[in-house]
Amino acid sequence: MATFITTIKFTQQGIKGIDDSTKRAAALKAAGKKLGVKVTQVFWTLGDYDGLLILDAPDDETATTLLLHLGSLGNVHTTTVRAFTAAEMDKITAKVHVS
């Protein structure tokens, strides 16, 4: 499974419906489960972003599907990065210096 970290910013629609924010997060977890994506953490944050999602997906395409679904609902804008564990980085860096 690949890990993805997504920052979210509420849209005007998302702010208007802020009372449902935790319900929307639960619905995202359920939608993810149907796709084979595990939303491992949901945080609401202060500062430049309104929230943070951490999810594990079998591949980039599946993660993208879930995040496009989330964006299509109109409550948040997302920015996503792929995260690598130390073990994954070791495999990557072992290939850097090819002779």
PDB file of N, CA and C in Angstrom:
ATOM      1  N   MET A   1       0.843  -1.186   0.000  1.00  0.00           N
ATOM      2  CA  MET A   1       0.000   0.000   0.000  1.00  0.00           C
ATOM      3  C   MET A   1       0.888   1.248   0.000  1.00  0.00           C
ATOM      4  N   ALA A   2       0.466   2.235  -0.727  1.00  0.00           N
ATOM      5  CA  ALA A   2       1.160   3.519  -0.778  1.00  0.00           C
ATOM      6  C   ALA A   2       0.472   4.489   0.180  1.00  0.00           C
ATOM      7  N   THR A   3       1.264   5.359   0.786  1.00  0.00           N
ATOM      8  CA  THR A   3       0.728   6.353   1.714  1.00  0.00           C
ATOM      9  C   THR A   3       0.668   7.713   1.035  1.00  0.00           C
ATOM     10  N   PHE A   4      -0.430   8.425   1.280  1.00  0.00           N
ATOM     11  CA  PHE A   4      -0.640   9.749   0.720  1.00  0.00           C
ATOM     12  C   PHE A   4      -1.027  10.701   1.842  1.00  0.00           C
ATOM     13  N   ILE A   5      -0.509  11.920   1.760  1.00  0.00           N
ATOM     14  CA  ILE A   5      -0.866  12.966   2.717  1.00  0.00           C
ATOM     15  C   ILE A   5      -1.553  14.076   1.934  1.00  0.00           C
ATOM     16  N   THR A   6      -2.742  14.431   2.373  1.00  0.00           N
ATOM     17  CA  THR A   6      -3.558  15.422   1.671  1.00  0.00           C
ATOM     18  C   THR A   6      -3.888  16.568   2.602  1.00  0.00           C
ATOM     19  N   THR A   7      -3.591  17.783   2.158  1.00  0.00           N
ATOM     20  CA  THR A   7      -4.043  18.959   2.895  1.00  0.00           C
ATOM     21  C   THR A   7      -5.363  19.399   2.286  1.00  0.00           C
ATOM     22  N   ILE A   8      -6.238  19.914   3.141  1.00  0.00           N
ATOM     23  CA  ILE A   8      -7.537  20.374   2.653  1.00  0.00           C
ATOM     24  C   ILE A   8      -7.789  21.816   3.091  1.00  0.00           C
ATOM     25  N   LYS A   9      -8.518  22.517   2.240  1.00  0.00           N
ATOM     26  CA  LYS A   9      -9.008  23.856   2.545  1.00  0.00           C
ATOM     27  C   LYS A   9     -10.502  23.843   2.262  1.00  0.00           C
ATOM     28  N   PHE A  10     -11.262  24.365   3.204  1.00  0.00           N
ATOM     29  CA  PHE A  10     -12.703  24.423   3.007  1.00  0.00           C
ATOM     30  C   PHE A  10     -13.060  25.417   1.911  1.00  0.00           C
ATOM     31  N   THR A  11     -14.034  25.055   1.102  1.00  0.00           N
ATOM     32  CA  THR A  11     -14.632  25.990   0.160  1.00  0.00           C
ATOM     33  C   THR A  11     -15.691  26.786   0.929  1.00  0.00           C
ATOM     34  N   GLN A  12     -16.271  27.759   0.287  1.00  0.00           N
ATOM     35  CA  GLN A  12     -17.350  28.513   0.922  1.00  0.00           C
ATOM     36  C   GLN A  12     -18.500  27.572   1.283  1.00  0.00           C
ATOM     37  N   GLN A  13     -18.797  26.628   0.408  1.00  0.00           N
ATOM     38  CA  GLN A  13     -19.836  25.629   0.677  1.00  0.00           C
ATOM     39  C   GLN A  13     -19.474  24.796   1.900  1.00  0.00           C
ATOM     40  N   GLY A  14     -18.206  24.389   2.001  1.00  0.00           N
ATOM     41  CA  GLY A  14     -17.758  23.580   3.130  1.00  0.00           C
ATOM     42  C   GLY A  14     -17.863  24.321   4.449  1.00  0.00           C
ATOM     43  N   ILE A  15     -17.554  25.612   4.428  1.00  0.00           N
ATOM     44  CA  ILE A  15     -17.666  26.424   5.651  1.00  0.00           C
ATOM     45  C   ILE A  15     -19.133  26.575   6.045  1.00  0.00           C
ATOM     46  N   LYS A  16     -20.007  26.787   5.065  1.00  0.00           N
ATOM     47  CA  LYS A  16     -21.442  26.925   5.375  1.00  0.00           C
ATOM     48  C   LYS A  16     -21.985  25.664   6.034  1.00  0.00           C
ATOM     49  N   GLY A  17     -21.451  24.508   5.649  1.00  0.00           N
ATOM     50  CA  GLY A  17     -21.914  23.250   6.214  1.00  0.00           C
ATOM     51  C   GLY A  17     -20.939  22.683   7.239  1.00  0.00           C
ATOM     52  N   ILE A  18     -20.231  23.539   7.951  1.00  0.00           N
ATOM     53  CA  ILE A  18     -19.182  23.091   8.864  1.00  0.00           C
ATOM     54  C   ILE A  18     -19.715  22.150   9.943  1.00  0.00           C
ATOM     55  N   ASP A  19     -20.964  22.296  10.319  1.00  0.00           N
ATOM     56  CA  ASP A  19     -21.542  21.428  11.352  1.00  0.00           C
ATOM     57  C   ASP A  19     -21.534  19.952  10.933  1.00  0.00           C
ATOM     58  N   ASP A  20     -21.465  19.704   9.631  1.00  0.00           N
ATOM     59  CA  ASP A  20     -21.461  18.337   9.121  1.00  0.00           C
ATOM     60  C   ASP A  20     -20.059  17.823   8.808  1.00  0.00           C
ATOM     61  N   SER A  21     -19.042  18.573   9.191  1.00  0.00           N
ATOM     62  CA  SER A  21     -17.676  18.231   8.811  1.00  0.00           C
ATOM     63  C   SER A  21     -17.251  16.838   9.287  1.00  0.00           C
ATOM     64  N   THR A  22     -17.567  16.487  10.513  1.00  0.00           N
ATOM     65  CA  THR A  22     -17.162  15.157  11.003  1.00  0.00           C
ATOM     66  C   THR A  22     -17.982  14.054  10.329  1.00  0.00           C
ATOM     67  N   LYS A  23     -19.221  14.359   9.980  1.00  0.00           N
ATOM     68  CA  LYS A  23     -20.039  13.382   9.249  1.00  0.00           C
ATOM     69  C   LYS A  23     -19.482  13.170   7.847  1.00  0.00           C
ATOM     70  N   ARG A  24     -19.021  14.251   7.230  1.00  0.00           N
ATOM     71  CA  ARG A  24     -18.426  14.132   5.896  1.00  0.00           C
ATOM     72  C   ARG A  24     -17.137  13.306   5.965  1.00  0.00           C
ATOM     73  N   ALA A  25     -16.375  13.482   7.036  1.00  0.00           N
ATOM     74  CA  ALA A  25     -15.142  12.694   7.207  1.00  0.00           C
ATOM     75  C   ALA A  25     -15.476  11.209   7.334  1.00  0.00           C
ATOM     76  N   ALA A  26     -16.520  10.882   8.081  1.00  0.00           N
ATOM     77  CA  ALA A  26     -16.939   9.483   8.220  1.00  0.00           C
ATOM     78  C   ALA A  26     -17.390   8.923   6.872  1.00  0.00           C
ATOM     79  N   ALA A  27     -18.089   9.736   6.092  1.00  0.00           N
ATOM     80  CA  ALA A  27     -18.531   9.302   4.763  1.00  0.00           C
ATOM     81  C   ALA A  27     -17.340   9.078   3.842  1.00  0.00           C
ATOM     82  N   LEU A  28     -16.300   9.907   3.983  1.00  0.00           N
ATOM     83  CA  LEU A  28     -15.091   9.722   3.179  1.00  0.00           C
ATOM     84  C   LEU A  28     -14.427   8.397   3.526  1.00  0.00           C
ATOM     85  N   LYS A  29     -14.356   8.085   4.807  1.00  0.00           N
ATOM     86  CA  LYS A  29     -13.768   6.803   5.223  1.00  0.00           C
ATOM     87  C   LYS A  29     -14.548   5.635   4.629  1.00  0.00           C
ATOM     88  N   ALA A  30     -15.871   5.731   4.638  1.00  0.00           N
ATOM     89  CA  ALA A  30     -16.709   4.666   4.086  1.00  0.00           C
ATOM     90  C   ALA A  30     -16.511   4.532   2.576  1.00  0.00           C
ATOM     91  N   ALA A  31     -16.448   5.665   1.880  1.00  0.00           N
ATOM     92  CA  ALA A  31     -16.219   5.635   0.430  1.00  0.00           C
ATOM     93  C   ALA A  31     -14.845   5.052   0.131  1.00  0.00           C
ATOM     94  N   GLY A  32     -13.863   5.422   0.929  1.00  0.00           N
ATOM     95  CA  GLY A  32     -12.518   4.887   0.753  1.00  0.00           C
ATOM     96  C   GLY A  32     -12.486   3.383   0.921  1.00  0.00           C
ATOM     97  N   LYS A  33     -13.173   2.899   1.929  1.00  0.00           N
ATOM     98  CA  LYS A  33     -13.204   1.464   2.193  1.00  0.00           C
ATOM     99  C   LYS A  33     -13.750   0.697   0.986  1.00  0.00           C
ATOM    100  N   LYS A  34     -14.784   1.240   0.342  1.00  0.00           N
ATOM    101  CA  LYS A  34     -15.360   0.597  -0.837  1.00  0.00           C
ATOM    102  C   LYS A  34     -14.359   0.523  -1.988  1.00  0.00           C
ATOM    103  N   LEU A  35     -13.438   1.491  -2.035  1.00  0.00           N
ATOM    104  CA  LEU A  35     -12.440   1.526  -3.105  1.00  0.00           C
ATOM    105  C   LEU A  35     -11.159   0.776  -2.744  1.00  0.00           C
ATOM    106  N   GLY A  36     -11.050   0.351  -1.483  1.00  0.00           N
ATOM    107  CA  GLY A  36      -9.824  -0.298  -1.043  1.00  0.00           C
ATOM    108  C   GLY A  36      -8.801   0.673  -0.483  1.00  0.00           C
ATOM    109  N   VAL A  37      -9.259   1.870  -0.119  1.00  0.00           N
ATOM    110  CA  VAL A  37      -8.405   2.902   0.470  1.00  0.00           C
ATOM    111  C   VAL A  37      -8.714   2.998   1.952  1.00  0.00           C
ATOM    112  N   LYS A  38      -7.677   3.004   2.779  1.00  0.00           N
ATOM    113  CA  LYS A  38      -7.872   3.175   4.211  1.00  0.00           C
ATOM    114  C   LYS A  38      -7.481   4.600   4.580  1.00  0.00           C
ATOM    115  N   VAL A  39      -8.464   5.371   5.031  1.00  0.00           N
ATOM    116  CA  VAL A  39      -8.193   6.713   5.537  1.00  0.00           C
ATOM    117  C   VAL A  39      -7.759   6.521   6.988  1.00  0.00           C
ATOM    118  N   THR A  40      -6.453   6.629   7.224  1.00  0.00           N
ATOM    119  CA  THR A  40      -5.924   6.285   8.545  1.00  0.00           C
ATOM    120  C   THR A  40      -6.044   7.410   9.552  1.00  0.00           C
ATOM    121  N   GLN A  41      -6.011   8.663   9.087  1.00  0.00           N
ATOM    122  CA  GLN A  41      -6.122   9.808   9.993  1.00  0.00           C
ATOM    123  C   GLN A  41      -6.869  10.943   9.309  1.00  0.00           C
ATOM    124  N   VAL A  42      -7.673  11.627  10.085  1.00  0.00           N
ATOM    125  CA  VAL A  42      -8.317  12.864   9.653  1.00  0.00           C
ATOM    126  C   VAL A  42      -8.068  13.868  10.770  1.00  0.00           C
ATOM    127  N   PHE A  43      -7.464  14.994  10.401  1.00  0.00           N
ATOM    128  CA  PHE A  43      -7.200  16.059  11.374  1.00  0.00           C
ATOM    129  C   PHE A  43      -7.808  17.358  10.874  1.00  0.00           C
ATOM    130  N   TRP A  44      -8.355  18.127  11.788  1.00  0.00           N
ATOM    131  CA  TRP A  44      -8.761  19.497  11.512  1.00  0.00           C
ATOM    132  C   TRP A  44      -7.641  20.356  12.080  1.00  0.00           C
ATOM    133  N   THR A  45      -7.185  21.348  11.310  1.00  0.00           N
ATOM    134  CA  THR A  45      -5.980  22.073  11.692  1.00  0.00           C
ATOM    135  C   THR A  45      -6.193  23.582  11.685  1.00  0.00           C
ATOM    136  N   LEU A  46      -5.261  24.257  12.334  1.00  0.00           N
ATOM    137  CA  LEU A  46      -5.182  25.711  12.315  1.00  0.00           C
ATOM    138  C   LEU A  46      -4.043  26.106  11.390  1.00  0.00           C
ATOM    139  N   GLY A  47      -4.092  27.303  10.846  1.00  0.00           N
ATOM    140  CA  GLY A  47      -2.996  27.765   9.998  1.00  0.00           C
ATOM    141  C   GLY A  47      -3.390  27.817   8.537  1.00  0.00           C
ATOM    142  N   ASP A  48      -2.439  27.514   7.670  1.00  0.00           N
ATOM    143  CA  ASP A  48      -2.655  27.639   6.229  1.00  0.00           C
ATOM    144  C   ASP A  48      -3.691  26.664   5.677  1.00  0.00           C
ATOM    145  N   TYR A  49      -3.874  25.542   6.368  1.00  0.00           N
ATOM    146  CA  TYR A  49      -4.814  24.521   5.901  1.00  0.00           C
ATOM    147  C   TYR A  49      -5.855  24.262   6.974  1.00  0.00           C
ATOM    148  N   ASP A  50      -7.030  23.823   6.526  1.00  0.00           N
ATOM    149  CA  ASP A  50      -8.125  23.536   7.446  1.00  0.00           C
ATOM    150  C   ASP A  50      -8.123  22.090   7.917  1.00  0.00           C
ATOM    151  N   GLY A  51      -7.388  21.237   7.220  1.00  0.00           N
ATOM    152  CA  GLY A  51      -7.359  19.845   7.615  1.00  0.00           C
ATOM    153  C   GLY A  51      -6.259  19.075   6.913  1.00  0.00           C
ATOM    154  N   LEU A  52      -6.093  17.848   7.391  1.00  0.00           N
ATOM    155  CA  LEU A  52      -5.074  16.954   6.868  1.00  0.00           C
ATOM    156  C   LEU A  52      -5.629  15.542   6.862  1.00  0.00           C
ATOM    157  N   LEU A  53      -5.427  14.849   5.756  1.00  0.00           N
ATOM    158  CA  LEU A  53      -5.832  13.451   5.630  1.00  0.00           C
ATOM    159  C   LEU A  53      -4.589  12.607   5.399  1.00  0.00           C
ATOM    160  N   ILE A  54      -4.549  11.448   6.019  1.00  0.00           N
ATOM    161  CA  ILE A  54      -3.511  10.474   5.731  1.00  0.00           C
ATOM    162  C   ILE A  54      -4.221   9.208   5.294  1.00  0.00           C
ATOM    163  N   LEU A  55      -3.862   8.720   4.111  1.00  0.00           N
ATOM    164  CA  LEU A  55      -4.541   7.539   3.599  1.00  0.00           C
ATOM    165  C   LEU A  55      -3.565   6.572   2.964  1.00  0.00           C
ATOM    166  N   ASP A  56      -3.942   5.308   2.987  1.00  0.00           N
ATOM    167  CA  ASP A  56      -3.180   4.240   2.353  1.00  0.00           C
ATOM    168  C   ASP A  56      -4.027   3.674   1.223  1.00  0.00           C
ATOM    169  N   ALA A  57      -3.435   3.620   0.036  1.00  0.00           N
ATOM    170  CA  ALA A  57      -4.144   3.128  -1.147  1.00  0.00           C
ATOM    171  C   ALA A  57      -3.260   2.142  -1.892  1.00  0.00           C
ATOM    172  N   PRO A  58      -3.867   1.233  -2.636  1.00  0.00           N
ATOM    173  CA  PRO A  58      -3.075   0.250  -3.368  1.00  0.00           C
ATOM    174  C   PRO A  58      -2.217   0.866  -4.473  1.00  0.00           C
ATOM    175  N   ASP A  59      -2.634   2.032  -5.006  1.00  0.00           N
ATOM    176  CA  ASP A  59      -1.878   2.671  -6.083  1.00  0.00           C
ATOM    177  C   ASP A  59      -2.336   4.119  -6.245  1.00  0.00           C
ATOM    178  N   ASP A  60      -1.609   4.861  -7.075  1.00  0.00           N
ATOM    179  CA  ASP A  60      -1.908   6.276  -7.305  1.00  0.00           C
ATOM    180  C   ASP A  60      -3.309   6.488  -7.872  1.00  0.00           C
ATOM    181  N   GLU A  61      -3.696   5.598  -8.785  1.00  0.00           N
ATOM    182  CA  GLU A  61      -4.994   5.757  -9.438  1.00  0.00           C
ATOM    183  C   GLU A  61      -6.155   5.631  -8.451  1.00  0.00           C
ATOM    184  N   THR A  62      -6.049   4.690  -7.533  1.00  0.00           N
ATOM    185  CA  THR A  62      -7.115   4.491  -6.555  1.00  0.00           C
ATOM    186  C   THR A  62      -7.186   5.667  -5.592  1.00  0.00           C
ATOM    187  N   ALA A  63      -6.037   6.152  -5.152  1.00  0.00           N
ATOM    188  CA  ALA A  63      -6.020   7.335  -4.282  1.00  0.00           C
ATOM    189  C   ALA A  63      -6.629   8.522  -5.010  1.00  0.00           C
ATOM    190  N   THR A  64      -6.269   8.698  -6.271  1.00  0.00           N
ATOM    191  CA  THR A  64      -6.799   9.803  -7.061  1.00  0.00           C
ATOM    192  C   THR A  64      -8.312   9.697  -7.211  1.00  0.00           C
ATOM    193  N   THR A  65      -8.812   8.498  -7.411  1.00  0.00           N
ATOM    194  CA  THR A  65     -10.255   8.299  -7.523  1.00  0.00           C
ATOM    195  C   THR A  65     -10.970   8.796  -6.276  1.00  0.00           C
ATOM    196  N   LEU A  66     -10.476   8.403  -5.105  1.00  0.00           N
ATOM    197  CA  LEU A  66     -11.109   8.839  -3.856  1.00  0.00           C
ATOM    198  C   LEU A  66     -11.022  10.353  -3.696  1.00  0.00           C
ATOM    199  N   LEU A  67      -9.875  10.931  -4.002  1.00  0.00           N
ATOM    200  CA  LEU A  67      -9.709  12.375  -3.822  1.00  0.00           C
ATOM    201  C   LEU A  67     -10.514  13.179  -4.841  1.00  0.00           C
ATOM    202  N   LEU A  68     -10.673  12.663  -6.042  1.00  0.00           N
ATOM    203  CA  LEU A  68     -11.556  13.325  -7.005  1.00  0.00           C
ATOM    204  C   LEU A  68     -13.009  13.250  -6.553  1.00  0.00           C
ATOM    205  N   HIS A  69     -13.389  12.112  -5.978  1.00  0.00           N
ATOM    206  CA  HIS A  69     -14.727  11.983  -5.400  1.00  0.00           C
ATOM    207  C   HIS A  69     -14.921  13.039  -4.318  1.00  0.00           C
ATOM    208  N   LEU A  70     -13.951  13.161  -3.422  1.00  0.00           N
ATOM    209  CA  LEU A  70     -14.033  14.151  -2.347  1.00  0.00           C
ATOM    210  C   LEU A  70     -14.166  15.567  -2.915  1.00  0.00           C
ATOM    211  N   GLY A  71     -13.325  15.904  -3.874  1.00  0.00           N
ATOM    212  CA  GLY A  71     -13.381  17.237  -4.470  1.00  0.00           C
ATOM    213  C   GLY A  71     -14.680  17.510  -5.196  1.00  0.00           C
ATOM    214  N   SER A  72     -15.250  16.484  -5.807  1.00  0.00           N
ATOM    215  CA  SER A  72     -16.494  16.671  -6.571  1.00  0.00           C
ATOM    216  C   SER A  72     -17.678  17.037  -5.692  1.00  0.00           C
ATOM    217  N   LEU A  73     -17.563  16.782  -4.398  1.00  0.00           N
ATOM    218  CA  LEU A  73     -18.652  17.123  -3.483  1.00  0.00           C
ATOM    219  C   LEU A  73     -18.712  18.618  -3.187  1.00  0.00           C
ATOM    220  N   GLY A  74     -17.619  19.328  -3.480  1.00  0.00           N
ATOM    221  CA  GLY A  74     -17.620  20.780  -3.401  1.00  0.00           C
ATOM    222  C   GLY A  74     -17.329  21.398  -2.043  1.00  0.00           C
ATOM    223  N   ASN A  75     -16.959  20.605  -1.062  1.00  0.00           N
ATOM    224  CA  ASN A  75     -16.731  21.146   0.279  1.00  0.00           C
ATOM    225  C   ASN A  75     -15.284  21.506   0.574  1.00  0.00           C
ATOM    226  N   VAL A  76     -14.352  20.917  -0.164  1.00  0.00           N
ATOM    227  CA  VAL A  76     -12.934  21.171   0.086  1.00  0.00           C
ATOM    228  C   VAL A  76     -12.146  21.188  -1.217  1.00  0.00           C
ATOM    229  N   HIS A  77     -11.009  21.863  -1.160  1.00  0.00           N
ATOM    230  CA  HIS A  77      -9.971  21.764  -2.190  1.00  0.00           C
ATOM    231  C   HIS A  77      -8.850  20.952  -1.562  1.00  0.00           C
ATOM    232  N   THR A  78      -8.188  20.126  -2.352  1.00  0.00           N
ATOM    233  CA  THR A  78      -7.142  19.256  -1.812  1.00  0.00           C
ATOM    234  C   THR A  78      -5.819  19.456  -2.525  1.00  0.00           C
ATOM    235  N   THR A  79      -4.752  19.170  -1.796  1.00  0.00           N
ATOM    236  CA  THR A  79      -3.404  19.069  -2.356  1.00  0.00           C
ATOM    237  C   THR A  79      -2.802  17.808  -1.759  1.00  0.00           C
ATOM    238  N   THR A  80      -2.300  16.934  -2.612  1.00  0.00           N
ATOM    239  CA  THR A  80      -1.855  15.618  -2.152  1.00  0.00           C
ATOM    240  C   THR A  80      -0.416  15.350  -2.544  1.00  0.00           C
ATOM    241  N   VAL A  81       0.313  14.707  -1.630  1.00  0.00           N
ATOM    242  CA  VAL A  81       1.669  14.249  -1.906  1.00  0.00           C
ATOM    243  C   VAL A  81       1.773  12.770  -1.565  1.00  0.00           C
ATOM    244  N   ARG A  82       2.660  12.088  -2.237  1.00  0.00           N
ATOM    245  CA  ARG A  82       2.950  10.679  -1.939  1.00  0.00           C
ATOM    246  C   ARG A  82       4.019  10.666  -0.865  1.00  0.00           C
ATOM    247  N   ALA A  83       3.831   9.871   0.162  1.00  0.00           N
ATOM    248  CA  ALA A  83       4.792   9.766   1.265  1.00  0.00           C
ATOM    249  C   ALA A  83       5.482   8.411   1.211  1.00  0.00           C
ATOM    250  N   PHE A  84       6.750   8.390   1.621  1.00  0.00           N
ATOM    251  CA  PHE A  84       7.536   7.161   1.610  1.00  0.00           C
ATOM    252  C   PHE A  84       8.054   6.865   3.007  1.00  0.00           C
ATOM    253  N   THR A  85       7.999   5.606   3.407  1.00  0.00           N
ATOM    254  CA  THR A  85       8.565   5.174   4.681  1.00  0.00           C
ATOM    255  C   THR A  85      10.084   5.068   4.524  1.00  0.00           C
ATOM    256  N   ALA A  86      10.791   4.872   5.636  1.00  0.00           N
ATOM    257  CA  ALA A  86      12.243   4.706   5.583  1.00  0.00           C
ATOM    258  C   ALA A  86      12.605   3.472   4.739  1.00  0.00           C
ATOM    259  N   ALA A  87      11.870   2.392   4.904  1.00  0.00           N
ATOM    260  CA  ALA A  87      12.148   1.174   4.131  1.00  0.00           C
ATOM    261  C   ALA A  87      11.962   1.426   2.631  1.00  0.00           C
ATOM    262  N   GLU A  88      10.907   2.153   2.275  1.00  0.00           N
ATOM    263  CA  GLU A  88      10.683   2.470   0.864  1.00  0.00           C
ATOM    264  C   GLU A  88      11.795   3.367   0.321  1.00  0.00           C
ATOM    265  N   MET A  89      12.237   4.335   1.129  1.00  0.00           N
ATOM    266  CA  MET A  89      13.317   5.220   0.691  1.00  0.00           C
ATOM    267  C   MET A  89      14.614   4.454   0.509  1.00  0.00           C
ATOM    268  N   ASP A  90      14.882   3.486   1.392  1.00  0.00           N
ATOM    269  CA  ASP A  90      16.087   2.669   1.236  1.00  0.00           C
ATOM    270  C   ASP A  90      16.092   1.948  -0.105  1.00  0.00           C
ATOM    271  N   LYS A  91      14.944   1.416  -0.520  1.00  0.00           N
ATOM    272  CA  LYS A  91      14.845   0.733  -1.813  1.00  0.00           C
ATOM    273  C   LYS A  91      15.090   1.717  -2.962  1.00  0.00           C
ATOM    274  N   ILE A  92      14.548   2.919  -2.823  1.00  0.00           N
ATOM    275  CA  ILE A  92      14.703   3.940  -3.867  1.00  0.00           C
ATOM    276  C   ILE A  92      16.148   4.394  -3.959  1.00  0.00           C
ATOM    277  N   THR A  93      16.735   4.733  -2.818  1.00  0.00           N
ATOM    278  CA  THR A  93      18.106   5.270  -2.846  1.00  0.00           C
ATOM    279  C   THR A  93      19.134   4.211  -3.248  1.00  0.00           C
ATOM    280  N   ALA A  94      18.813   2.949  -3.041  1.00  0.00           N
ATOM    281  CA  ALA A  94      19.731   1.887  -3.465  1.00  0.00           C
ATOM    282  C   ALA A  94      19.895   1.880  -4.977  1.00  0.00           C
ATOM    283  N   LYS A  95      18.969   2.444  -5.704  1.00  0.00           N
ATOM    284  CA  LYS A  95      19.010   2.458  -7.162  1.00  0.00           C
ATOM    285  C   LYS A  95      19.572   3.770  -7.736  1.00  0.00           C
ATOM    286  N   VAL A  96      19.871   4.726  -6.870  1.00  0.00           N
ATOM    287  CA  VAL A  96      20.289   6.046  -7.334  1.00  0.00           C
ATOM    288  C   VAL A  96      21.633   5.993  -8.064  1.00  0.00           C
ATOM    289  N   HIS A  97      22.592   5.292  -7.528  1.00  0.00           N
ATOM    290  CA  HIS A  97      23.946   5.282  -8.088  1.00  0.00           C
ATOM    291  C   HIS A  97      24.165   4.026  -8.930  1.00  0.00           C
ATOM    292  N   VAL A  98      23.611   4.059 -10.118  1.00  0.00           N
ATOM    293  CA  VAL A  98      23.776   2.939 -11.029  1.00  0.00           C
ATOM    294  C   VAL A  98      25.097   3.096 -11.776  1.00  0.00           C
ATOM    295  N   SER A  99      25.783   2.018 -11.924  1.00  0.00           N
ATOM    296  CA  SER A  99      27.098   2.080 -12.601  1.00  0.00           C
ATOM    297  C   SER A  99      26.967   1.769 -14.065  1.00  0.00           C
TER     298      SER A  99
END
